[in-house]
Amino acid sequence: MTITKQVIFVAKEENIEELKALLITMIDASREEDGCLFYYIHQMSEKPTTFVVLESWENDEALEGHKHSAHYLHYKENFEQYTAEKYSNELADLV
């Protein structure tokens, strides 16, 4: 079953560039993983502290593999110091 998620990060005002740099390190590495269908990160134009990650994985195994990758573990160890808020939603396919 495909898993698609939306993850929202709100950077601390003084850490926008640091969070952006950390999130950027996730893009290519995640896209190269087996089972990654897509992985995009956007910064909101009107609210530059806010980043939106859209990611989709072929199945639970692919997502679990992602969560054990070196780049994910690096991100996981570092994002909180730059982040005021983080929340995620699993998205359901309509068709």
PDB file of N, CA and C in Angstrom:
ATOM      1  N   MET A   1       0.835  -1.184   0.000  1.00  0.00           N
ATOM      2  CA  MET A   1       0.000   0.000   0.000  1.00  0.00           C
ATOM      3  C   MET A   1       0.885   1.254   0.000  1.00  0.00           C
ATOM      4  N   THR A   2       0.618   2.173  -0.878  1.00  0.00           N
ATOM      5  CA  THR A   2       1.365   3.423  -0.980  1.00  0.00           C
ATOM      6  C   THR A   2       1.134   4.283   0.261  1.00  0.00           C
ATOM      7  N   ILE A   3       2.208   4.907   0.734  1.00  0.00           N
ATOM      8  CA  ILE A   3       2.126   5.816   1.881  1.00  0.00           C
ATOM      9  C   ILE A   3       2.588   7.194   1.418  1.00  0.00           C
ATOM     10  N   THR A   4       1.709   8.176   1.557  1.00  0.00           N
ATOM     11  CA  THR A   4       2.023   9.550   1.185  1.00  0.00           C
ATOM     12  C   THR A   4       1.834  10.424   2.414  1.00  0.00           C
ATOM     13  N   LYS A   5       2.822  11.267   2.668  1.00  0.00           N
ATOM     14  CA  LYS A   5       2.798  12.113   3.856  1.00  0.00           C
ATOM     15  C   LYS A   5       3.062  13.568   3.492  1.00  0.00           C
ATOM     16  N   GLN A   6       2.502  14.428   4.311  1.00  0.00           N
ATOM     17  CA  GLN A   6       2.792  15.860   4.272  1.00  0.00           C
ATOM     18  C   GLN A   6       3.367  16.203   5.641  1.00  0.00           C
ATOM     19  N   VAL A   7       4.554  16.767   5.657  1.00  0.00           N
ATOM     20  CA  VAL A   7       5.188  17.161   6.909  1.00  0.00           C
ATOM     21  C   VAL A   7       5.434  18.664   6.851  1.00  0.00           C
ATOM     22  N   ILE A   8       4.974  19.369   7.869  1.00  0.00           N
ATOM     23  CA  ILE A   8       5.128  20.821   7.949  1.00  0.00           C
ATOM     24  C   ILE A   8       6.156  21.139   9.026  1.00  0.00           C
ATOM     25  N   PHE A   9       7.129  21.958   8.664  1.00  0.00           N
ATOM     26  CA  PHE A   9       8.118  22.460   9.606  1.00  0.00           C
ATOM     27  C   PHE A   9       7.972  23.967   9.680  1.00  0.00           C
ATOM     28  N   VAL A  10       7.949  24.503  10.876  1.00  0.00           N
ATOM     29  CA  VAL A  10       7.993  25.951  11.068  1.00  0.00           C
ATOM     30  C   VAL A  10       9.325  26.244  11.762  1.00  0.00           C
ATOM     31  N   ALA A  11      10.191  26.921  11.048  1.00  0.00           N
ATOM     32  CA  ALA A  11      11.521  27.238  11.572  1.00  0.00           C
ATOM     33  C   ALA A  11      11.435  28.329  12.630  1.00  0.00           C
ATOM     34  N   LYS A  12      12.346  28.272  13.575  1.00  0.00           N
ATOM     35  CA  LYS A  12      12.527  29.410  14.468  1.00  0.00           C
ATOM     36  C   LYS A  12      12.993  30.565  13.583  1.00  0.00           C
ATOM     37  N   GLU A  13      12.523  31.749  13.864  1.00  0.00           N
ATOM     38  CA  GLU A  13      12.801  32.924  13.026  1.00  0.00           C
ATOM     39  C   GLU A  13      14.301  33.075  12.719  1.00  0.00           C
ATOM     40  N   GLU A  14      15.136  32.826  13.725  1.00  0.00           N
ATOM     41  CA  GLU A  14      16.581  32.995  13.558  1.00  0.00           C
ATOM     42  C   GLU A  14      17.264  31.796  12.892  1.00  0.00           C
ATOM     43  N   ASN A  15      16.501  30.740  12.590  1.00  0.00           N
ATOM     44  CA  ASN A  15      17.096  29.511  12.048  1.00  0.00           C
ATOM     45  C   ASN A  15      16.506  29.066  10.717  1.00  0.00           C
ATOM     46  N   ILE A  16      15.940  29.991   9.961  1.00  0.00           N
ATOM     47  CA  ILE A  16      15.337  29.635   8.673  1.00  0.00           C
ATOM     48  C   ILE A  16      16.374  28.993   7.748  1.00  0.00           C
ATOM     49  N   GLU A  17      17.511  29.611   7.604  1.00  0.00           N
ATOM     50  CA  GLU A  17      18.525  29.111   6.658  1.00  0.00           C
ATOM     51  C   GLU A  17      19.107  27.775   7.109  1.00  0.00           C
ATOM     52  N   GLU A  18      19.279  27.589   8.405  1.00  0.00           N
ATOM     53  CA  GLU A  18      19.815  26.322   8.911  1.00  0.00           C
ATOM     54  C   GLU A  18      18.835  25.177   8.662  1.00  0.00           C
ATOM     55  N   LEU A  19      17.556  25.425   8.922  1.00  0.00           N
ATOM     56  CA  LEU A  19      16.569  24.375   8.679  1.00  0.00           C
ATOM     57  C   LEU A  19      16.461  24.086   7.191  1.00  0.00           C
ATOM     58  N   LYS A  20      16.454  25.136   6.388  1.00  0.00           N
ATOM     59  CA  LYS A  20      16.400  24.953   4.931  1.00  0.00           C
ATOM     60  C   LYS A  20      17.570  24.083   4.458  1.00  0.00           C
ATOM     61  N   ALA A  21      18.768  24.384   4.911  1.00  0.00           N
ATOM     62  CA  ALA A  21      19.950  23.615   4.504  1.00  0.00           C
ATOM     63  C   ALA A  21      19.828  22.153   4.932  1.00  0.00           C
ATOM     64  N   LEU A  22      19.346  21.927   6.140  1.00  0.00           N
ATOM     65  CA  LEU A  22      19.182  20.552   6.620  1.00  0.00           C
ATOM     66  C   LEU A  22      18.153  19.805   5.779  1.00  0.00           C
ATOM     67  N   LEU A  23      17.034  20.431   5.496  1.00  0.00           N
ATOM     68  CA  LEU A  23      15.993  19.775   4.704  1.00  0.00           C
ATOM     69  C   LEU A  23      16.469  19.492   3.281  1.00  0.00           C
ATOM     70  N   ILE A  24      17.229  20.400   2.715  1.00  0.00           N
ATOM     71  CA  ILE A  24      17.745  20.195   1.358  1.00  0.00           C
ATOM     72  C   ILE A  24      18.609  18.943   1.278  1.00  0.00           C
ATOM     73  N   THR A  25      19.332  18.624   2.350  1.00  0.00           N
ATOM     74  CA  THR A  25      20.177  17.417   2.326  1.00  0.00           C
ATOM     75  C   THR A  25      19.348  16.142   2.190  1.00  0.00           C
ATOM     76  N   MET A  26      18.067  16.228   2.479  1.00  0.00           N
ATOM     77  CA  MET A  26      17.195  15.053   2.419  1.00  0.00           C
ATOM     78  C   MET A  26      16.692  14.751   1.004  1.00  0.00           C
ATOM     79  N   ILE A  27      16.660  15.727   0.133  1.00  0.00           N
ATOM     80  CA  ILE A  27      15.963  15.577  -1.145  1.00  0.00           C
ATOM     81  C   ILE A  27      16.586  14.501  -2.032  1.00  0.00           C
ATOM     82  N   ASP A  28      17.789  14.715  -2.511  1.00  0.00           N
ATOM     83  CA  ASP A  28      18.394  13.758  -3.444  1.00  0.00           C
ATOM     84  C   ASP A  28      18.596  12.389  -2.808  1.00  0.00           C
ATOM     85  N   ALA A  29      19.061  12.372  -1.567  1.00  0.00           N
ATOM     86  CA  ALA A  29      19.312  11.094  -0.894  1.00  0.00           C
ATOM     87  C   ALA A  29      18.019  10.291  -0.753  1.00  0.00           C
ATOM     88  N   SER A  30      16.925  10.951  -0.418  1.00  0.00           N
ATOM     89  CA  SER A  30      15.640  10.257  -0.275  1.00  0.00           C
ATOM     90  C   SER A  30      15.122   9.776  -1.621  1.00  0.00           C
ATOM     91  N   ARG A  31      15.243  10.610  -2.637  1.00  0.00           N
ATOM     92  CA  ARG A  31      14.771  10.225  -3.971  1.00  0.00           C
ATOM     93  C   ARG A  31      15.505   9.016  -4.527  1.00  0.00           C
ATOM     94  N   GLU A  32      16.741   8.816  -4.099  1.00  0.00           N
ATOM     95  CA  GLU A  32      17.541   7.684  -4.583  1.00  0.00           C
ATOM     96  C   GLU A  32      17.214   6.378  -3.867  1.00  0.00           C
ATOM     97  N   GLU A  33      16.453   6.442  -2.791  1.00  0.00           N
ATOM     98  CA  GLU A  33      16.132   5.239  -2.028  1.00  0.00           C
ATOM     99  C   GLU A  33      15.149   4.342  -2.784  1.00  0.00           C
ATOM    100  N   ASP A  34      15.321   3.025  -2.587  1.00  0.00           N
ATOM    101  CA  ASP A  34      14.358   2.076  -3.131  1.00  0.00           C
ATOM    102  C   ASP A  34      12.991   2.351  -2.526  1.00  0.00           C
ATOM    103  N   GLY A  35      11.988   2.398  -3.346  1.00  0.00           N
ATOM    104  CA  GLY A  35      10.630   2.567  -2.869  1.00  0.00           C
ATOM    105  C   GLY A  35      10.167   4.005  -2.744  1.00  0.00           C
ATOM    106  N   CYS A  36      11.024   4.978  -3.032  1.00  0.00           N
ATOM    107  CA  CYS A  36      10.604   6.382  -2.989  1.00  0.00           C
ATOM    108  C   CYS A  36       9.909   6.715  -4.305  1.00  0.00           C
ATOM    109  N   LEU A  37       8.646   7.113  -4.216  1.00  0.00           N
ATOM    110  CA  LEU A  37       7.887   7.494  -5.403  1.00  0.00           C
ATOM    111  C   LEU A  37       8.080   8.971  -5.721  1.00  0.00           C
ATOM    112  N   PHE A  38       8.100   9.806  -4.687  1.00  0.00           N
ATOM    113  CA  PHE A  38       8.470  11.212  -4.853  1.00  0.00           C
ATOM    114  C   PHE A  38       8.846  11.801  -3.506  1.00  0.00           C
ATOM    115  N   TYR A  39       9.618  12.874  -3.558  1.00  0.00           N
ATOM    116  CA  TYR A  39      10.078  13.562  -2.352  1.00  0.00           C
ATOM    117  C   TYR A  39      10.335  15.013  -2.734  1.00  0.00           C
ATOM    118  N   TYR A  40       9.460  15.909  -2.267  1.00  0.00           N
ATOM    119  CA  TYR A  40       9.558  17.333  -2.589  1.00  0.00           C
ATOM    120  C   TYR A  40       9.540  18.160  -1.311  1.00  0.00           C
ATOM    121  N   ILE A  41      10.278  19.241  -1.330  1.00  0.00           N
ATOM    122  CA  ILE A  41      10.249  20.185  -0.219  1.00  0.00           C
ATOM    123  C   ILE A  41      10.015  21.578  -0.797  1.00  0.00           C
ATOM    124  N   HIS A  42       9.061  22.280  -0.188  1.00  0.00           N
ATOM    125  CA  HIS A  42       8.718  23.625  -0.615  1.00  0.00           C
ATOM    126  C   HIS A  42       8.817  24.575   0.568  1.00  0.00           C
ATOM    127  N   GLN A  43       9.185  25.807   0.281  1.00  0.00           N
ATOM    128  CA  GLN A  43       9.169  26.869   1.282  1.00  0.00           C
ATOM    129  C   GLN A  43       8.029  27.802   0.913  1.00  0.00           C
ATOM    130  N   MET A  44       7.189  28.136   1.866  1.00  0.00           N
ATOM    131  CA  MET A  44       6.042  28.992   1.579  1.00  0.00           C
ATOM    132  C   MET A  44       6.514  30.413   1.272  1.00  0.00           C
ATOM    133  N   SER A  45       6.044  30.952   0.171  1.00  0.00           N
ATOM    134  CA  SER A  45       6.446  32.296  -0.258  1.00  0.00           C
ATOM    135  C   SER A  45       6.017  33.363   0.735  1.00  0.00           C
ATOM    136  N   GLU A  46       4.809  33.261   1.215  1.00  0.00           N
ATOM    137  CA  GLU A  46       4.262  34.281   2.117  1.00  0.00           C
ATOM    138  C   GLU A  46       4.681  34.075   3.577  1.00  0.00           C
ATOM    139  N   LYS A  47       5.129  32.868   3.912  1.00  0.00           N
ATOM    140  CA  LYS A  47       5.584  32.569   5.277  1.00  0.00           C
ATOM    141  C   LYS A  47       6.912  31.818   5.175  1.00  0.00           C
ATOM    142  N   PRO A  48       8.024  32.516   4.983  1.00  0.00           N
ATOM    143  CA  PRO A  48       9.301  31.847   4.731  1.00  0.00           C
ATOM    144  C   PRO A  48       9.813  30.980   5.879  1.00  0.00           C
ATOM    145  N   THR A  49       9.188  31.066   7.036  1.00  0.00           N
ATOM    146  CA  THR A  49       9.571  30.167   8.134  1.00  0.00           C
ATOM    147  C   THR A  49       8.971  28.783   7.960  1.00  0.00           C
ATOM    148  N   THR A  50       8.047  28.632   7.014  1.00  0.00           N
ATOM    149  CA  THR A  50       7.304  27.381   6.887  1.00  0.00           C
ATOM    150  C   THR A  50       7.738  26.586   5.661  1.00  0.00           C
ATOM    151  N   PHE A  51       8.044  25.313   5.911  1.00  0.00           N
ATOM    152  CA  PHE A  51       8.461  24.375   4.874  1.00  0.00           C
ATOM    153  C   PHE A  51       7.460  23.234   4.823  1.00  0.00           C
ATOM    154  N   VAL A  52       7.153  22.781   3.608  1.00  0.00           N
ATOM    155  CA  VAL A  52       6.216  21.679   3.412  1.00  0.00           C
ATOM    156  C   VAL A  52       6.951  20.563   2.683  1.00  0.00           C
ATOM    157  N   VAL A  53       6.970  19.395   3.295  1.00  0.00           N
ATOM    158  CA  VAL A  53       7.565  18.210   2.684  1.00  0.00           C
ATOM    159  C   VAL A  53       6.421  17.328   2.205  1.00  0.00           C
ATOM    160  N   LEU A  54       6.470  16.926   0.948  1.00  0.00           N
ATOM    161  CA  LEU A  54       5.533  15.957   0.390  1.00  0.00           C
ATOM    162  C   LEU A  54       6.346  14.757  -0.050  1.00  0.00           C
ATOM    163  N   GLU A  55       6.002  13.605   0.496  1.00  0.00           N
ATOM    164  CA  GLU A  55       6.758  12.398   0.187  1.00  0.00           C
ATOM    165  C   GLU A  55       5.821  11.222   0.020  1.00  0.00           C
ATOM    166  N   SER A  56       6.202  10.308  -0.863  1.00  0.00           N
ATOM    167  CA  SER A  56       5.395   9.117  -1.086  1.00  0.00           C
ATOM    168  C   SER A  56       6.312   7.910  -1.240  1.00  0.00           C
ATOM    169  N   TRP A  57       5.880   6.813  -0.628  1.00  0.00           N
ATOM    170  CA  TRP A  57       6.661   5.582  -0.575  1.00  0.00           C
ATOM    171  C   TRP A  57       5.803   4.419  -1.054  1.00  0.00           C
ATOM    172  N   GLU A  58       6.437   3.452  -1.705  1.00  0.00           N
ATOM    173  CA  GLU A  58       5.704   2.312  -2.258  1.00  0.00           C
ATOM    174  C   GLU A  58       4.932   1.533  -1.192  1.00  0.00           C
ATOM    175  N   ASN A  59       5.519   1.415   0.010  1.00  0.00           N
ATOM    176  CA  ASN A  59       4.897   0.603   1.055  1.00  0.00           C
ATOM    177  C   ASN A  59       5.561   0.896   2.399  1.00  0.00           C
ATOM    178  N   ASP A  60       5.080   0.220   3.441  1.00  0.00           N
ATOM    179  CA  ASP A  60       5.632   0.392   4.790  1.00  0.00           C
ATOM    180  C   ASP A  60       7.117   0.054   4.845  1.00  0.00           C
ATOM    181  N   GLU A  61       7.519  -0.984   4.144  1.00  0.00           N
ATOM    182  CA  GLU A  61       8.926  -1.404   4.162  1.00  0.00           C
ATOM    183  C   GLU A  61       9.837  -0.310   3.606  1.00  0.00           C
ATOM    184  N   ALA A  62       9.413   0.339   2.531  1.00  0.00           N
ATOM    185  CA  ALA A  62      10.209   1.425   1.945  1.00  0.00           C
ATOM    186  C   ALA A  62      10.316   2.597   2.922  1.00  0.00           C
ATOM    187  N   LEU A  63       9.207   2.952   3.571  1.00  0.00           N
ATOM    188  CA  LEU A  63       9.232   4.044   4.540  1.00  0.00           C
ATOM    189  C   LEU A  63      10.104   3.685   5.741  1.00  0.00           C
ATOM    190  N   GLU A  64      10.021   2.462   6.198  1.00  0.00           N
ATOM    191  CA  GLU A  64      10.867   2.026   7.320  1.00  0.00           C
ATOM    192  C   GLU A  64      12.343   2.067   6.933  1.00  0.00           C
ATOM    193  N   GLY A  65      12.660   1.648   5.722  1.00  0.00           N
ATOM    194  CA  GLY A  65      14.039   1.737   5.249  1.00  0.00           C
ATOM    195  C   GLY A  65      14.531   3.168   5.252  1.00  0.00           C
ATOM    196  N   HIS A  66      13.674   4.084   4.822  1.00  0.00           N
ATOM    197  CA  HIS A  66      14.005   5.514   4.824  1.00  0.00           C
ATOM    198  C   HIS A  66      14.329   5.978   6.245  1.00  0.00           C
ATOM    199  N   LYS A  67      13.528   5.548   7.205  1.00  0.00           N
ATOM    200  CA  LYS A  67      13.717   5.974   8.593  1.00  0.00           C
ATOM    201  C   LYS A  67      14.988   5.421   9.223  1.00  0.00           C
ATOM    202  N   HIS A  68      15.634   4.474   8.571  1.00  0.00           N
ATOM    203  CA  HIS A  68      16.891   3.914   9.076  1.00  0.00           C
ATOM    204  C   HIS A  68      18.096   4.339   8.240  1.00  0.00           C
ATOM    205  N   SER A  69      17.878   5.211   7.256  1.00  0.00           N
ATOM    206  CA  SER A  69      18.982   5.658   6.402  1.00  0.00           C
ATOM    207  C   SER A  69      19.852   6.668   7.147  1.00  0.00           C
ATOM    208  N   ALA A  70      21.092   6.777   6.722  1.00  0.00           N
ATOM    209  CA  ALA A  70      22.044   7.692   7.366  1.00  0.00           C
ATOM    210  C   ALA A  70      21.567   9.146   7.269  1.00  0.00           C
ATOM    211  N   HIS A  71      21.050   9.559   6.116  1.00  0.00           N
ATOM    212  CA  HIS A  71      20.613  10.958   5.965  1.00  0.00           C
ATOM    213  C   HIS A  71      19.389  11.251   6.836  1.00  0.00           C
ATOM    214  N   TYR A  72      18.489  10.288   6.994  1.00  0.00           N
ATOM    215  CA  TYR A  72      17.322  10.505   7.864  1.00  0.00           C
ATOM    216  C   TYR A  72      17.764  10.602   9.320  1.00  0.00           C
ATOM    217  N   LEU A  73      18.658   9.738   9.731  1.00  0.00           N
ATOM    218  CA  LEU A  73      19.131   9.773  11.118  1.00  0.00           C
ATOM    219  C   LEU A  73      19.856  11.082  11.417  1.00  0.00           C
ATOM    220  N   HIS A  74      20.619  11.590  10.455  1.00  0.00           N
ATOM    221  CA  HIS A  74      21.289  12.884  10.623  1.00  0.00           C
ATOM    222  C   HIS A  74      20.253  14.008  10.785  1.00  0.00           C
ATOM    223  N   TYR A  75      19.255  14.009   9.902  1.00  0.00           N
ATOM    224  CA  TYR A  75      18.177  15.002  10.008  1.00  0.00           C
ATOM    225  C   TYR A  75      17.486  14.899  11.364  1.00  0.00           C
ATOM    226  N   LYS A  76      17.152  13.675  11.770  1.00  0.00           N
ATOM    227  CA  LYS A  76      16.405  13.447  13.008  1.00  0.00           C
ATOM    228  C   LYS A  76      17.169  13.964  14.227  1.00  0.00           C
ATOM    229  N   GLU A  77      18.485  13.833  14.204  1.00  0.00           N
ATOM    230  CA  GLU A  77      19.318  14.294  15.317  1.00  0.00           C
ATOM    231  C   GLU A  77      19.459  15.811  15.367  1.00  0.00           C
ATOM    232  N   ASN A  78      19.124  16.499  14.281  1.00  0.00           N
ATOM    233  CA  ASN A  78      19.434  17.929  14.193  1.00  0.00           C
ATOM    234  C   ASN A  78      18.269  18.880  13.990  1.00  0.00           C
ATOM    235  N   PHE A  79      17.112  18.426  13.541  1.00  0.00           N
ATOM    236  CA  PHE A  79      16.062  19.365  13.147  1.00  0.00           C
ATOM    237  C   PHE A  79      15.463  20.139  14.312  1.00  0.00           C
ATOM    238  N   GLU A  80      15.373  19.545  15.495  1.00  0.00           N
ATOM    239  CA  GLU A  80      14.663  20.195  16.603  1.00  0.00           C
ATOM    240  C   GLU A  80      15.281  21.531  17.014  1.00  0.00           C
ATOM    241  N   GLN A  81      16.587  21.661  16.908  1.00  0.00           N
ATOM    242  CA  GLN A  81      17.235  22.900  17.325  1.00  0.00           C
ATOM    243  C   GLN A  81      16.854  24.087  16.435  1.00  0.00           C
ATOM    244  N   TYR A  82      16.359  23.818  15.230  1.00  0.00           N
ATOM    245  CA  TYR A  82      15.994  24.875  14.289  1.00  0.00           C
ATOM    246  C   TYR A  82      14.483  25.058  14.140  1.00  0.00           C
ATOM    247  N   THR A  83      13.710  24.201  14.782  1.00  0.00           N
ATOM    248  CA  THR A  83      12.276  24.100  14.505  1.00  0.00           C
ATOM    249  C   THR A  83      11.423  24.563  15.676  1.00  0.00           C
ATOM    250  N   ALA A  84      10.476  25.456  15.399  1.00  0.00           N
ATOM    251  CA  ALA A  84       9.518  25.907  16.412  1.00  0.00           C
ATOM    252  C   ALA A  84       8.335  24.940  16.490  1.00  0.00           C
ATOM    253  N   GLU A  85       7.910  24.419  15.326  1.00  0.00           N
ATOM    254  CA  GLU A  85       6.783  23.491  15.249  1.00  0.00           C
ATOM    255  C   GLU A  85       7.025  22.491  14.143  1.00  0.00           C
ATOM    256  N   LYS A  86       6.483  21.275  14.336  1.00  0.00           N
ATOM    257  CA  LYS A  86       6.517  20.256  13.286  1.00  0.00           C
ATOM    258  C   LYS A  86       5.278  19.405  13.446  1.00  0.00           C
ATOM    259  N   TYR A  87       4.611  19.147  12.344  1.00  0.00           N
ATOM    260  CA  TYR A  87       3.485  18.227  12.381  1.00  0.00           C
ATOM    261  C   TYR A  87       3.367  17.544  11.030  1.00  0.00           C
ATOM    262  N   SER A  88       2.766  16.363  11.042  1.00  0.00           N
ATOM    263  CA  SER A  88       2.645  15.611   9.802  1.00  0.00           C
ATOM    264  C   SER A  88       1.264  14.994   9.684  1.00  0.00           C
ATOM    265  N   ASN A  89       0.915  14.733   8.440  1.00  0.00           N
ATOM    266  CA  ASN A  89      -0.361  14.111   8.112  1.00  0.00           C
ATOM    267  C   ASN A  89      -0.120  13.025   7.084  1.00  0.00           C
ATOM    268  N   GLU A  90      -0.758  11.883   7.277  1.00  0.00           N
ATOM    269  CA  GLU A  90      -0.747  10.871   6.234  1.00  0.00           C
ATOM    270  C   GLU A  90      -1.896  11.195   5.301  1.00  0.00           C
ATOM    271  N   LEU A  91      -1.641  11.145   4.005  1.00  0.00           N
ATOM    272  CA  LEU A  91      -2.639  11.513   3.006  1.00  0.00           C
ATOM    273  C   LEU A  91      -3.191  10.255   2.353  1.00  0.00           C
ATOM    274  N   ALA A  92      -4.490  10.224   2.136  1.00  0.00           N
ATOM    275  CA  ALA A  92      -5.141   9.078   1.498  1.00  0.00           C
ATOM    276  C   ALA A  92      -5.412   9.389   0.036  1.00  0.00           C
ATOM    277  N   ASP A  93      -5.168   8.405  -0.811  1.00  0.00           N
ATOM    278  CA  ASP A  93      -5.501   8.543  -2.235  1.00  0.00           C
ATOM    279  C   ASP A  93      -7.015   8.515  -2.397  1.00  0.00           C
ATOM    280  N   LEU A  94      -7.547   9.361  -3.260  1.00  0.00           N
ATOM    281  CA  LEU A  94      -8.982   9.382  -3.500  1.00  0.00           C
ATOM    282  C   LEU A  94      -9.403   8.387  -4.564  1.00  0.00           C
ATOM    283  N   VAL A  95      -8.481   8.039  -5.418  1.00  0.00           N
ATOM    284  CA  VAL A  95      -8.809   7.101  -6.497  1.00  0.00           C
ATOM    285  C   VAL A  95      -7.861   5.930  -6.443  1.00  0.00           C
TER     286      VAL A  95
END
